[in-house]
């Protein structure tokens, strides 16, 4: 009986935290990620399909949330919402998460990345560009360019783990000064992430939308991020619910094992219930204490 009473209380507590976070006063604006046009197109045309989850995205944007000066820590996080690489759920896994971060003095940059439409390079190029852009504006936005992380959810977690395992130190010869900066996140946060593209483990829709129905073994292995972890992969915080029916827990376990094997500092939170999506953390608010402890170390 006590368990049944605690469950709705947990949801209400987390919702209260989200609401208070969103009410926090801070500076917000949106800008285009590639103002001169992206280096490649994803082939999508027409208007975006708007809503809590946005579809048909062909223009990437950043929505920048800067905390008030009295709270600012100098850290920042690029947020990559989920949506199966078919949509971008920019509200529940973007704007609401930004509120949690700015309340803690952390700048939040919500990336509305272009959908791949089976152009597999595009989402990761957008995420790397977002990290470079934040570093490029670090002085202007009062940030420490060595404290820039990434936080991804579901397919956005696959995107975050992709740029956490495949990054570069910058392109010093580029005529674009933004490209001079590193694309490596200093830390990464992965909530119920798609990690692997391997059959039986992956989320099928995410794999098809990113790689196509006839993806080669080479491409599948390339985007199975548990195979890409090295000692240079950034410190990682992971959260997953054991009863997730959409993205198997094994995704997180595979990645965590490789982080441990490579001595990458990492923390793993697994809840017995919560399913897939925001319910995984909204119904289990105890993660917030663990997260606050971990993020303060970063």
Foldseek 3Di string as FASTA:
>chain_A
DVVVVLQVVLLVVLVVLLVVLLPADWDKDKDWLCPVDDPDWQPFDDDWDDDLWIASDTTKMKIKTAAPPVQAPQAEEEEFADDLLGTGRCHQRNSSVQSNQSVNNYMYIYMRFHRNQQVQVGRLVSLLSVLLVCLVCSVVSVHDNLRYAYEYFAQRLLSRLLLLLDWDQFDCPDPDVSRRHTSHGQEYEYELYQQALDPPQGQVSSNCRNNNPPHDPVVRCSSNSLNRDALSRHEYEYEYECQAPRGHPVSVVSNVVSCVVRVHHYYYYYHPDQYGDPSRCSSPVVVVVVVVVVSVVD
